[in-house]
Amino acid sequence: MGLSGLCLIHCTLTSVMFGLLATLGGTFASPIFHEVGLGFAIVFALIAFTRGLMEHGMILPSWVGGAGLVAMSAALMVPHGGRETLLTMIGVALLALGHWLNRRAAA
């Protein structure tokens, strides 16, 4: 959930920086920055959701989190702008919800 929150903050701040400081936007808009971040999100999600599934047996958290990863992946395939930000924010929110459901099911 913490990584999802950091991603949400990154996306929001990047959008603001694009509007205010276009010269710094290039660094954070680099495709490799987002691809590596998504790679980390996928690895951590696989670990967390697999562990949760083994522990409590509920598939819903994995499906919700997986939908979030799909939305985040789709964001990499659209041009920079509003659609990318919206897809990323939806993806991050779904991934965080999946982690929350996973944690709640384990309790």
PDB file of N, CA and C in Angstrom:
ATOM      1  N   MET A   1       0.833  -1.174   0.000  1.00  0.00           N
ATOM      2  CA  MET A   1       0.000   0.000   0.000  1.00  0.00           C
ATOM      3  C   MET A   1       0.883   1.245   0.000  1.00  0.00           C
ATOM      4  N   GLY A   2       2.022   1.144   0.685  1.00  0.00           N
ATOM      5  CA  GLY A   2       2.926   2.287   0.736  1.00  0.00           C
ATOM      6  C   GLY A   2       3.468   2.635  -0.641  1.00  0.00           C
ATOM      7  N   LEU A   3       3.852   1.591  -1.420  1.00  0.00           N
ATOM      8  CA  LEU A   3       4.360   1.849  -2.775  1.00  0.00           C
ATOM      9  C   LEU A   3       3.269   2.427  -3.663  1.00  0.00           C
ATOM     10  N   SER A   4       2.057   1.959  -3.511  1.00  0.00           N
ATOM     11  CA  SER A   4       0.950   2.503  -4.293  1.00  0.00           C
ATOM     12  C   SER A   4       0.744   3.975  -3.957  1.00  0.00           C
ATOM     13  N   GLY A   5       0.837   4.293  -2.679  1.00  0.00           N
ATOM     14  CA  GLY A   5       0.701   5.686  -2.262  1.00  0.00           C
ATOM     15  C   GLY A   5       1.814   6.559  -2.821  1.00  0.00           C
ATOM     16  N   LEU A   6       3.049   6.025  -2.801  1.00  0.00           N
ATOM     17  CA  LEU A   6       4.171   6.769  -3.382  1.00  0.00           C
ATOM     18  C   LEU A   6       3.987   6.979  -4.877  1.00  0.00           C
ATOM     19  N   CYS A   7       3.458   5.970  -5.552  1.00  0.00           N
ATOM     20  CA  CYS A   7       3.202   6.092  -6.988  1.00  0.00           C
ATOM     21  C   CYS A   7       2.157   7.174  -7.256  1.00  0.00           C
ATOM     22  N   LEU A   8       1.114   7.182  -6.440  1.00  0.00           N
ATOM     23  CA  LEU A   8       0.068   8.196  -6.591  1.00  0.00           C
ATOM     24  C   LEU A   8       0.649   9.594  -6.389  1.00  0.00           C
ATOM     25  N   ILE A   9       1.488   9.736  -5.376  1.00  0.00           N
ATOM     26  CA  ILE A   9       2.131  11.027  -5.127  1.00  0.00           C
ATOM     27  C   ILE A   9       3.022  11.408  -6.297  1.00  0.00           C
ATOM     28  N   HIS A  10       3.798  10.436  -6.796  1.00  0.00           N
ATOM     29  CA  HIS A  10       4.681  10.698  -7.942  1.00  0.00           C
ATOM     30  C   HIS A  10       3.881  11.188  -9.145  1.00  0.00           C
ATOM     31  N   CYS A  11       2.796  10.496  -9.465  1.00  0.00           N
ATOM     32  CA  CYS A  11       2.002  10.865 -10.643  1.00  0.00           C
ATOM     33  C   CYS A  11       1.383  12.249 -10.486  1.00  0.00           C
ATOM     34  N   THR A  12       0.881  12.524  -9.306  1.00  0.00           N
ATOM     35  CA  THR A  12       0.278  13.833  -9.052  1.00  0.00           C
ATOM     36  C   THR A  12       1.336  14.936  -9.142  1.00  0.00           C
ATOM     37  N   LEU A  13       2.472  14.710  -8.482  1.00  0.00           N
ATOM     38  CA  LEU A  13       3.530  15.718  -8.502  1.00  0.00           C
ATOM     39  C   LEU A  13       4.110  15.907  -9.901  1.00  0.00           C
ATOM     40  N   THR A  14       4.223  14.812 -10.652  1.00  0.00           N
ATOM     41  CA  THR A  14       4.742  14.925 -12.019  1.00  0.00           C
ATOM     42  C   THR A  14       3.806  15.778 -12.867  1.00  0.00           C
ATOM     43  N   SER A  15       2.508  15.580 -12.728  1.00  0.00           N
ATOM     44  CA  SER A  15       1.550  16.380 -13.492  1.00  0.00           C
ATOM     45  C   SER A  15       1.669  17.860 -13.128  1.00  0.00           C
ATOM     46  N   VAL A  16       1.824  18.140 -11.842  1.00  0.00           N
ATOM     47  CA  VAL A  16       1.986  19.527 -11.397  1.00  0.00           C
ATOM     48  C   VAL A  16       3.300  20.101 -11.929  1.00  0.00           C
ATOM     49  N   MET A  17       4.364  19.301 -11.845  1.00  0.00           N
ATOM     50  CA  MET A  17       5.658  19.783 -12.335  1.00  0.00           C
ATOM     51  C   MET A  17       5.636  20.055 -13.835  1.00  0.00           C
ATOM     52  N   PHE A  18       4.903  19.232 -14.600  1.00  0.00           N
ATOM     53  CA  PHE A  18       4.794  19.487 -16.034  1.00  0.00           C
ATOM     54  C   PHE A  18       4.206  20.875 -16.279  1.00  0.00           C
ATOM     55  N   GLY A  19       3.231  21.234 -15.492  1.00  0.00           N
ATOM     56  CA  GLY A  19       2.604  22.538 -15.653  1.00  0.00           C
ATOM     57  C   GLY A  19       3.479  23.683 -15.179  1.00  0.00           C
ATOM     58  N   LEU A  20       4.225  23.456 -14.096  1.00  0.00           N
ATOM     59  CA  LEU A  20       5.009  24.524 -13.489  1.00  0.00           C
ATOM     60  C   LEU A  20       6.473  24.555 -13.939  1.00  0.00           C
ATOM     61  N   LEU A  21       7.070  23.406 -14.064  1.00  0.00           N
ATOM     62  CA  LEU A  21       8.501  23.331 -14.364  1.00  0.00           C
ATOM     63  C   LEU A  21       8.758  22.349 -15.509  1.00  0.00           C
ATOM     64  N   ALA A  22       8.451  22.751 -16.715  1.00  0.00           N
ATOM     65  CA  ALA A  22       8.546  21.857 -17.871  1.00  0.00           C
ATOM     66  C   ALA A  22       9.946  21.280 -18.049  1.00  0.00           C
ATOM     67  N   THR A  23      10.957  21.970 -17.645  1.00  0.00           N
ATOM     68  CA  THR A  23      12.313  21.462 -17.827  1.00  0.00           C
ATOM     69  C   THR A  23      12.613  20.256 -16.953  1.00  0.00           C
ATOM     70  N   LEU A  24      12.055  20.187 -15.753  1.00  0.00           N
ATOM     71  CA  LEU A  24      12.259  19.029 -14.888  1.00  0.00           C
ATOM     72  C   LEU A  24      11.339  17.865 -15.249  1.00  0.00           C
ATOM     73  N   GLY A  25      10.269  18.155 -15.951  1.00  0.00           N
ATOM     74  CA  GLY A  25       9.308  17.109 -16.316  1.00  0.00           C
ATOM     75  C   GLY A  25       9.923  16.011 -17.156  1.00  0.00           C
ATOM     76  N   GLY A  26      10.933  16.320 -17.961  1.00  0.00           N
ATOM     77  CA  GLY A  26      11.569  15.335 -18.828  1.00  0.00           C
ATOM     78  C   GLY A  26      12.192  14.185 -18.058  1.00  0.00           C
ATOM     79  N   THR A  27      12.763  14.480 -16.908  1.00  0.00           N
ATOM     80  CA  THR A  27      13.394  13.430 -16.099  1.00  0.00           C
ATOM     81  C   THR A  27      12.360  12.438 -15.598  1.00  0.00           C
ATOM     82  N   PHE A  28      11.289  12.933 -15.038  1.00  0.00           N
ATOM     83  CA  PHE A  28      10.270  12.057 -14.469  1.00  0.00           C
ATOM     84  C   PHE A  28       9.362  11.455 -15.534  1.00  0.00           C
ATOM     85  N   ALA A  29       9.374  12.008 -16.728  1.00  0.00           N
ATOM     86  CA  ALA A  29       8.544  11.479 -17.805  1.00  0.00           C
ATOM     87  C   ALA A  29       9.270  10.417 -18.614  1.00  0.00           C
ATOM     88  N   SER A  30      10.519  10.170 -18.278  1.00  0.00           N
ATOM     89  CA  SER A  30      11.301   9.174 -18.998  1.00  0.00           C
ATOM     90  C   SER A  30      10.605   7.815 -18.949  1.00  0.00           C
ATOM     91  N   PRO A  31      10.464   7.152 -20.093  1.00  0.00           N
ATOM     92  CA  PRO A  31       9.796   5.846 -20.100  1.00  0.00           C
ATOM     93  C   PRO A  31      10.460   4.829 -19.169  1.00  0.00           C
ATOM     94  N   ILE A  32      11.779   4.839 -19.083  1.00  0.00           N
ATOM     95  CA  ILE A  32      12.461   3.855 -18.243  1.00  0.00           C
ATOM     96  C   ILE A  32      12.109   4.035 -16.770  1.00  0.00           C
ATOM     97  N   PHE A  33      11.911   5.263 -16.336  1.00  0.00           N
ATOM     98  CA  PHE A  33      11.526   5.549 -14.945  1.00  0.00           C
ATOM     99  C   PHE A  33      10.214   4.853 -14.621  1.00  0.00           C
ATOM    100  N   HIS A  34       9.252   4.961 -15.525  1.00  0.00           N
ATOM    101  CA  HIS A  34       7.940   4.358 -15.300  1.00  0.00           C
ATOM    102  C   HIS A  34       7.970   2.843 -15.488  1.00  0.00           C
ATOM    103  N   GLU A  35       8.744   2.357 -16.436  1.00  0.00           N
ATOM    104  CA  GLU A  35       8.825   0.915 -16.666  1.00  0.00           C
ATOM    105  C   GLU A  35       9.466   0.201 -15.484  1.00  0.00           C
ATOM    106  N   VAL A  36      10.530   0.780 -14.939  1.00  0.00           N
ATOM    107  CA  VAL A  36      11.178   0.185 -13.767  1.00  0.00           C
ATOM    108  C   VAL A  36      10.233   0.233 -12.567  1.00  0.00           C
ATOM    109  N   GLY A  37       9.546   1.344 -12.379  1.00  0.00           N
ATOM    110  CA  GLY A  37       8.583   1.446 -11.279  1.00  0.00           C
ATOM    111  C   GLY A  37       7.480   0.410 -11.383  1.00  0.00           C
ATOM    112  N   LEU A  38       6.964   0.215 -12.592  1.00  0.00           N
ATOM    113  CA  LEU A  38       5.933  -0.803 -12.791  1.00  0.00           C
ATOM    114  C   LEU A  38       6.495  -2.199 -12.536  1.00  0.00           C
ATOM    115  N   GLY A  39       7.732  -2.418 -12.952  1.00  0.00           N
ATOM    116  CA  GLY A  39       8.376  -3.716 -12.695  1.00  0.00           C
ATOM    117  C   GLY A  39       8.447  -4.015 -11.203  1.00  0.00           C
ATOM    118  N   PHE A  40       8.858  -3.018 -10.413  1.00  0.00           N
ATOM    119  CA  PHE A  40       8.892  -3.198  -8.959  1.00  0.00           C
ATOM    120  C   PHE A  40       7.493  -3.459  -8.410  1.00  0.00           C
ATOM    121  N   ALA A  41       6.507  -2.729  -8.903  1.00  0.00           N
ATOM    122  CA  ALA A  41       5.126  -2.913  -8.438  1.00  0.00           C
ATOM    123  C   ALA A  41       4.648  -4.331  -8.718  1.00  0.00           C
ATOM    124  N   ILE A  42       4.967  -4.854  -9.895  1.00  0.00           N
ATOM    125  CA  ILE A  42       4.547  -6.213 -10.261  1.00  0.00           C
ATOM    126  C   ILE A  42       5.212  -7.241  -9.367  1.00  0.00           C
ATOM    127  N   VAL A  43       6.521  -7.090  -9.144  1.00  0.00           N
ATOM    128  CA  VAL A  43       7.245  -8.054  -8.302  1.00  0.00           C
ATOM    129  C   VAL A  43       6.680  -8.058  -6.882  1.00  0.00           C
ATOM    130  N   PHE A  44       6.525  -6.872  -6.286  1.00  0.00           N
ATOM    131  CA  PHE A  44       6.008  -6.806  -4.919  1.00  0.00           C
ATOM    132  C   PHE A  44       4.569  -7.305  -4.831  1.00  0.00           C
ATOM    133  N   ALA A  45       3.762  -7.009  -5.850  1.00  0.00           N
ATOM    134  CA  ALA A  45       2.372  -7.486  -5.860  1.00  0.00           C
ATOM    135  C   ALA A  45       2.323  -9.010  -5.951  1.00  0.00           C
ATOM    136  N   LEU A  46       3.153  -9.584  -6.807  1.00  0.00           N
ATOM    137  CA  LEU A  46       3.185 -11.049  -6.917  1.00  0.00           C
ATOM    138  C   LEU A  46       3.549 -11.698  -5.589  1.00  0.00           C
ATOM    139  N   ILE A  47       4.540 -11.133  -4.930  1.00  0.00           N
ATOM    140  CA  ILE A  47       4.946 -11.685  -3.631  1.00  0.00           C
ATOM    141  C   ILE A  47       3.812 -11.559  -2.620  1.00  0.00           C
ATOM    142  N   ALA A  48       3.247 -10.357  -2.506  1.00  0.00           N
ATOM    143  CA  ALA A  48       2.216 -10.108  -1.492  1.00  0.00           C
ATOM    144  C   ALA A  48       0.948 -10.908  -1.757  1.00  0.00           C
ATOM    145  N   PHE A  49       0.488 -10.922  -3.013  1.00  0.00           N
ATOM    146  CA  PHE A  49      -0.772 -11.602  -3.295  1.00  0.00           C
ATOM    147  C   PHE A  49      -0.623 -13.121  -3.273  1.00  0.00           C
ATOM    148  N   THR A  50       0.529 -13.629  -3.676  1.00  0.00           N
ATOM    149  CA  THR A  50       0.755 -15.077  -3.584  1.00  0.00           C
ATOM    150  C   THR A  50       0.792 -15.508  -2.129  1.00  0.00           C
ATOM    151  N   ARG A  51       1.502 -14.744  -1.329  1.00  0.00           N
ATOM    152  CA  ARG A  51       1.573 -15.051   0.107  1.00  0.00           C
ATOM    153  C   ARG A  51       0.186 -14.978   0.739  1.00  0.00           C
ATOM    154  N   GLY A  52      -0.564 -13.947   0.389  1.00  0.00           N
ATOM    155  CA  GLY A  52      -1.909 -13.803   0.939  1.00  0.00           C
ATOM    156  C   GLY A  52      -2.823 -14.942   0.524  1.00  0.00           C
ATOM    157  N   LEU A  53      -2.748 -15.317  -0.745  1.00  0.00           N
ATOM    158  CA  LEU A  53      -3.583 -16.414  -1.244  1.00  0.00           C
ATOM    159  C   LEU A  53      -3.262 -17.717  -0.512  1.00  0.00           C
ATOM    160  N   MET A  54      -1.988 -17.960  -0.268  1.00  0.00           N
ATOM    161  CA  MET A  54      -1.582 -19.178   0.449  1.00  0.00           C
ATOM    162  C   MET A  54      -2.047 -19.131   1.908  1.00  0.00           C
ATOM    163  N   GLU A  55      -2.048 -17.920   2.474  1.00  0.00           N
ATOM    164  CA  GLU A  55      -2.386 -17.766   3.887  1.00  0.00           C
ATOM    165  C   GLU A  55      -3.886 -17.827   4.148  1.00  0.00           C
ATOM    166  N   HIS A  56      -4.673 -17.090   3.346  1.00  0.00           N
ATOM    167  CA  HIS A  56      -6.111 -17.009   3.639  1.00  0.00           C
ATOM    168  C   HIS A  56      -6.991 -17.595   2.543  1.00  0.00           C
ATOM    169  N   GLY A  57      -6.464 -17.853   1.366  1.00  0.00           N
ATOM    170  CA  GLY A  57      -7.210 -18.522   0.311  1.00  0.00           C
ATOM    171  C   GLY A  57      -8.209 -17.668  -0.454  1.00  0.00           C
ATOM    172  N   MET A  58      -8.251 -16.368  -0.191  1.00  0.00           N
ATOM    173  CA  MET A  58      -9.196 -15.496  -0.900  1.00  0.00           C
ATOM    174  C   MET A  58      -8.547 -14.960  -2.179  1.00  0.00           C
ATOM    175  N   ILE A  59      -9.248 -15.087  -3.302  1.00  0.00           N
ATOM    176  CA  ILE A  59      -8.717 -14.661  -4.597  1.00  0.00           C
ATOM    177  C   ILE A  59      -9.043 -13.200  -4.913  1.00  0.00           C
ATOM    178  N   LEU A  60     -10.081 -12.638  -4.279  1.00  0.00           N
ATOM    179  CA  LEU A  60     -10.514 -11.276  -4.598  1.00  0.00           C
ATOM    180  C   LEU A  60      -9.399 -10.233  -4.500  1.00  0.00           C
ATOM    181  N   PRO A  61      -8.582 -10.248  -3.442  1.00  0.00           N
ATOM    182  CA  PRO A  61      -7.509  -9.251  -3.390  1.00  0.00           C
ATOM    183  C   PRO A  61      -6.566  -9.328  -4.590  1.00  0.00           C
ATOM    184  N   SER A  62      -6.276 -10.544  -5.034  1.00  0.00           N
ATOM    185  CA  SER A  62      -5.395 -10.721  -6.195  1.00  0.00           C
ATOM    186  C   SER A  62      -6.036 -10.186  -7.470  1.00  0.00           C
ATOM    187  N   TRP A  63      -7.323 -10.404  -7.626  1.00  0.00           N
ATOM    188  CA  TRP A  63      -8.022  -9.914  -8.817  1.00  0.00           C
ATOM    189  C   TRP A  63      -8.077  -8.381  -8.835  1.00  0.00           C
ATOM    190  N   VAL A  64      -8.363  -7.797  -7.692  1.00  0.00           N
ATOM    191  CA  VAL A  64      -8.443  -6.337  -7.614  1.00  0.00           C
ATOM    192  C   VAL A  64      -7.053  -5.736  -7.850  1.00  0.00           C
ATOM    193  N   GLY A  65      -6.051  -6.278  -7.177  1.00  0.00           N
ATOM    194  CA  GLY A  65      -4.690  -5.798  -7.365  1.00  0.00           C
ATOM    195  C   GLY A  65      -4.212  -6.008  -8.793  1.00  0.00           C
ATOM    196  N   GLY A  66      -4.565  -7.153  -9.381  1.00  0.00           N
ATOM    197  CA  GLY A  66      -4.200  -7.424 -10.769  1.00  0.00           C
ATOM    198  C   GLY A  66      -4.836  -6.438 -11.733  1.00  0.00           C
ATOM    199  N   ALA A  67      -6.079  -6.069 -11.469  1.00  0.00           N
ATOM    200  CA  ALA A  67      -6.745  -5.063 -12.302  1.00  0.00           C
ATOM    201  C   ALA A  67      -6.010  -3.730 -12.213  1.00  0.00           C
ATOM    202  N   GLY A  68      -5.513  -3.413 -11.024  1.00  0.00           N
ATOM    203  CA  GLY A  68      -4.724  -2.198 -10.855  1.00  0.00           C
ATOM    204  C   GLY A  68      -3.443  -2.239 -11.667  1.00  0.00           C
ATOM    205  N   LEU A  69      -2.766  -3.382 -11.665  1.00  0.00           N
ATOM    206  CA  LEU A  69      -1.538  -3.523 -12.455  1.00  0.00           C
ATOM    207  C   LEU A  69      -1.822  -3.426 -13.954  1.00  0.00           C
ATOM    208  N   VAL A  70      -2.961  -3.954 -14.382  1.00  0.00           N
ATOM    209  CA  VAL A  70      -3.348  -3.846 -15.793  1.00  0.00           C
ATOM    210  C   VAL A  70      -3.567  -2.378 -16.164  1.00  0.00           C
ATOM    211  N   ALA A  71      -4.254  -1.627 -15.304  1.00  0.00           N
ATOM    212  CA  ALA A  71      -4.487  -0.209 -15.582  1.00  0.00           C
ATOM    213  C   ALA A  71      -3.170   0.562 -15.611  1.00  0.00           C
ATOM    214  N   MET A  72      -2.259   0.240 -14.690  1.00  0.00           N
ATOM    215  CA  MET A  72      -0.958   0.899 -14.677  1.00  0.00           C
ATOM    216  C   MET A  72      -0.156   0.552 -15.929  1.00  0.00           C
ATOM    217  N   SER A  73      -0.250  -0.689 -16.381  1.00  0.00           N
ATOM    218  CA  SER A  73       0.430  -1.098 -17.614  1.00  0.00           C
ATOM    219  C   SER A  73      -0.161  -0.381 -18.817  1.00  0.00           C
ATOM    220  N   ALA A  74      -1.474  -0.256 -18.839  1.00  0.00           N
ATOM    221  CA  ALA A  74      -2.139   0.443 -19.940  1.00  0.00           C
ATOM    222  C   ALA A  74      -1.703   1.906 -19.991  1.00  0.00           C
ATOM    223  N   ALA A  75      -1.430   2.491 -18.827  1.00  0.00           N
ATOM    224  CA  ALA A  75      -0.989   3.883 -18.780  1.00  0.00           C
ATOM    225  C   ALA A  75       0.332   4.079 -19.513  1.00  0.00           C
ATOM    226  N   LEU A  76       1.164   3.042 -19.547  1.00  0.00           N
ATOM    227  CA  LEU A  76       2.441   3.136 -20.261  1.00  0.00           C
ATOM    228  C   LEU A  76       2.257   3.127 -21.776  1.00  0.00           C
ATOM    229  N   MET A  77       1.090   2.718 -22.227  1.00  0.00           N
ATOM    230  CA  MET A  77       0.849   2.576 -23.665  1.00  0.00           C
ATOM    231  C   MET A  77       0.124   3.760 -24.290  1.00  0.00           C
ATOM    232  N   VAL A  78      -0.246   4.729 -23.486  1.00  0.00           N
ATOM    233  CA  VAL A  78      -0.919   5.918 -24.021  1.00  0.00           C
ATOM    234  C   VAL A  78       0.046   7.096 -23.942  1.00  0.00           C
ATOM    235  N   PRO A  79      -0.147   8.110 -24.775  1.00  0.00           N
ATOM    236  CA  PRO A  79       0.740   9.279 -24.718  1.00  0.00           C
ATOM    237  C   PRO A  79       0.636   9.984 -23.360  1.00  0.00           C
ATOM    238  N   HIS A  80       1.724  10.667 -22.992  1.00  0.00           N
ATOM    239  CA  HIS A  80       1.709  11.436 -21.747  1.00  0.00           C
ATOM    240  C   HIS A  80       0.569  12.438 -21.785  1.00  0.00           C
ATOM    241  N   GLY A  81      -0.080  12.592 -20.648  1.00  0.00           N
ATOM    242  CA  GLY A  81      -1.180  13.535 -20.571  1.00  0.00           C
ATOM    243  C   GLY A  81      -2.229  13.056 -19.599  1.00  0.00           C
ATOM    244  N   GLY A  82      -3.413  13.581 -19.771  1.00  0.00           N
ATOM    245  CA  GLY A  82      -4.512  13.300 -18.858  1.00  0.00           C
ATOM    246  C   GLY A  82      -4.912  11.840 -18.791  1.00  0.00           C
ATOM    247  N   ARG A  83      -4.970  11.166 -19.942  1.00  0.00           N
ATOM    248  CA  ARG A  83      -5.371   9.748 -19.945  1.00  0.00           C
ATOM    249  C   ARG A  83      -4.356   8.899 -19.208  1.00  0.00           C
ATOM    250  N   GLU A  84      -3.073   9.199 -19.414  1.00  0.00           N
ATOM    251  CA  GLU A  84      -2.023   8.443 -18.726  1.00  0.00           C
ATOM    252  C   GLU A  84      -2.137   8.638 -17.215  1.00  0.00           C
ATOM    253  N   THR A  85      -2.296   9.860 -16.796  1.00  0.00           N
ATOM    254  CA  THR A  85      -2.406  10.152 -15.366  1.00  0.00           C
ATOM    255  C   THR A  85      -3.634   9.487 -14.773  1.00  0.00           C
ATOM    256  N   LEU A  86      -4.767   9.570 -15.457  1.00  0.00           N
ATOM    257  CA  LEU A  86      -5.999   8.962 -14.966  1.00  0.00           C
ATOM    258  C   LEU A  86      -5.862   7.444 -14.850  1.00  0.00           C
ATOM    259  N   LEU A  87      -5.326   6.799 -15.878  1.00  0.00           N
ATOM    260  CA  LEU A  87      -5.136   5.342 -15.827  1.00  0.00           C
ATOM    261  C   LEU A  87      -4.200   4.951 -14.693  1.00  0.00           C
ATOM    262  N   THR A  88      -3.134   5.715 -14.521  1.00  0.00           N
ATOM    263  CA  THR A  88      -2.187   5.413 -13.452  1.00  0.00           C
ATOM    264  C   THR A  88      -2.831   5.575 -12.088  1.00  0.00           C
ATOM    265  N   MET A  89      -3.584   6.646 -11.900  1.00  0.00           N
ATOM    266  CA  MET A  89      -4.224   6.877 -10.606  1.00  0.00           C
ATOM    267  C   MET A  89      -5.273   5.803 -10.300  1.00  0.00           C
ATOM    268  N   ILE A  90      -6.032   5.399 -11.311  1.00  0.00           N
ATOM    269  CA  ILE A  90      -7.001   4.311 -11.119  1.00  0.00           C
ATOM    270  C   ILE A  90      -6.262   3.025 -10.767  1.00  0.00           C
ATOM    271  N   GLY A  91      -5.179   2.751 -11.503  1.00  0.00           N
ATOM    272  CA  GLY A  91      -4.396   1.545 -11.247  1.00  0.00           C
ATOM    273  C   GLY A  91      -3.810   1.518  -9.853  1.00  0.00           C
ATOM    274  N   VAL A  92      -3.248   2.629  -9.429  1.00  0.00           N
ATOM    275  CA  VAL A  92      -2.659   2.722  -8.089  1.00  0.00           C
ATOM    276  C   VAL A  92      -3.735   2.534  -7.023  1.00  0.00           C
ATOM    277  N   ALA A  93      -4.885   3.138  -7.227  1.00  0.00           N
ATOM    278  CA  ALA A  93      -5.971   3.006  -6.252  1.00  0.00           C
ATOM    279  C   ALA A  93      -6.455   1.557  -6.166  1.00  0.00           C
ATOM    280  N   LEU A  94      -6.593   0.897  -7.319  1.00  0.00           N
ATOM    281  CA  LEU A  94      -7.015  -0.509  -7.303  1.00  0.00           C
ATOM    282  C   LEU A  94      -5.960  -1.405  -6.666  1.00  0.00           C
ATOM    283  N   LEU A  95      -4.700  -1.142  -6.960  1.00  0.00           N
ATOM    284  CA  LEU A  95      -3.629  -1.941  -6.365  1.00  0.00           C
ATOM    285  C   LEU A  95      -3.607  -1.750  -4.851  1.00  0.00           C
ATOM    286  N   ALA A  96      -3.751  -0.530  -4.391  1.00  0.00           N
ATOM    287  CA  ALA A  96      -3.795  -0.272  -2.950  1.00  0.00           C
ATOM    288  C   ALA A  96      -5.013  -0.953  -2.312  1.00  0.00           C
ATOM    289  N   LEU A  97      -6.161  -0.898  -2.996  1.00  0.00           N
ATOM    290  CA  LEU A  97      -7.361  -1.579  -2.482  1.00  0.00           C
ATOM    291  C   LEU A  97      -7.121  -3.078  -2.405  1.00  0.00           C
ATOM    292  N   GLY A  98      -6.479  -3.650  -3.409  1.00  0.00           N
ATOM    293  CA  GLY A  98      -6.160  -5.083  -3.390  1.00  0.00           C
ATOM    294  C   GLY A  98      -5.276  -5.441  -2.206  1.00  0.00           C
ATOM    295  N   HIS A  99      -4.257  -4.598  -1.942  1.00  0.00           N
ATOM    296  CA  HIS A  99      -3.388  -4.850  -0.796  1.00  0.00           C
ATOM    297  C   HIS A  99      -4.158  -4.711   0.513  1.00  0.00           C
ATOM    298  N   TRP A 100      -5.063  -3.740   0.576  1.00  0.00           N
ATOM    299  CA  TRP A 100      -5.867  -3.560   1.784  1.00  0.00           C
ATOM    300  C   TRP A 100      -6.770  -4.769   1.998  1.00  0.00           C
ATOM    301  N   LEU A 101      -7.407  -5.247   0.934  1.00  0.00           N
ATOM    302  CA  LEU A 101      -8.262  -6.435   1.041  1.00  0.00           C
ATOM    303  C   LEU A 101      -7.447  -7.652   1.459  1.00  0.00           C
ATOM    304  N   ASN A 102      -6.244  -7.755   0.912  1.00  0.00           N
ATOM    305  CA  ASN A 102      -5.346  -8.867   1.249  1.00  0.00           C
ATOM    306  C   ASN A 102      -4.992  -8.844   2.739  1.00  0.00           C
ATOM    307  N   ARG A 103      -4.664  -7.661   3.208  1.00  0.00           N
ATOM    308  CA  ARG A 103      -4.304  -7.505   4.615  1.00  0.00           C
ATOM    309  C   ARG A 103      -5.500  -7.788   5.528  1.00  0.00           C
ATOM    310  N   ARG A 104      -6.636  -7.296   5.112  1.00  0.00           N
ATOM    311  CA  ARG A 104      -7.853  -7.505   5.915  1.00  0.00           C
ATOM    312  C   ARG A 104      -8.241  -8.980   5.955  1.00  0.00           C
ATOM    313  N   ALA A 105      -8.087  -9.686   4.834  1.00  0.00           N
ATOM    314  CA  ALA A 105      -8.423 -11.111   4.793  1.00  0.00           C
ATOM    315  C   ALA A 105      -7.482 -11.929   5.663  1.00  0.00           C
ATOM    316  N   ALA A 106      -6.253 -11.472   5.810  1.00  0.00           N
ATOM    317  CA  ALA A 106      -5.278 -12.195   6.627  1.00  0.00           C
ATOM    318  C   ALA A 106      -5.520 -11.990   8.126  1.00  0.00           C
ATOM    319  N   ALA A 107      -6.241 -10.932   8.466  1.00  0.00           N
ATOM    320  CA  ALA A 107      -6.463 -10.638   9.895  1.00  0.00           C
ATOM    321  C   ALA A 107      -7.524 -11.519  10.523  1.00  0.00           C
TER     322      ALA A 107
END
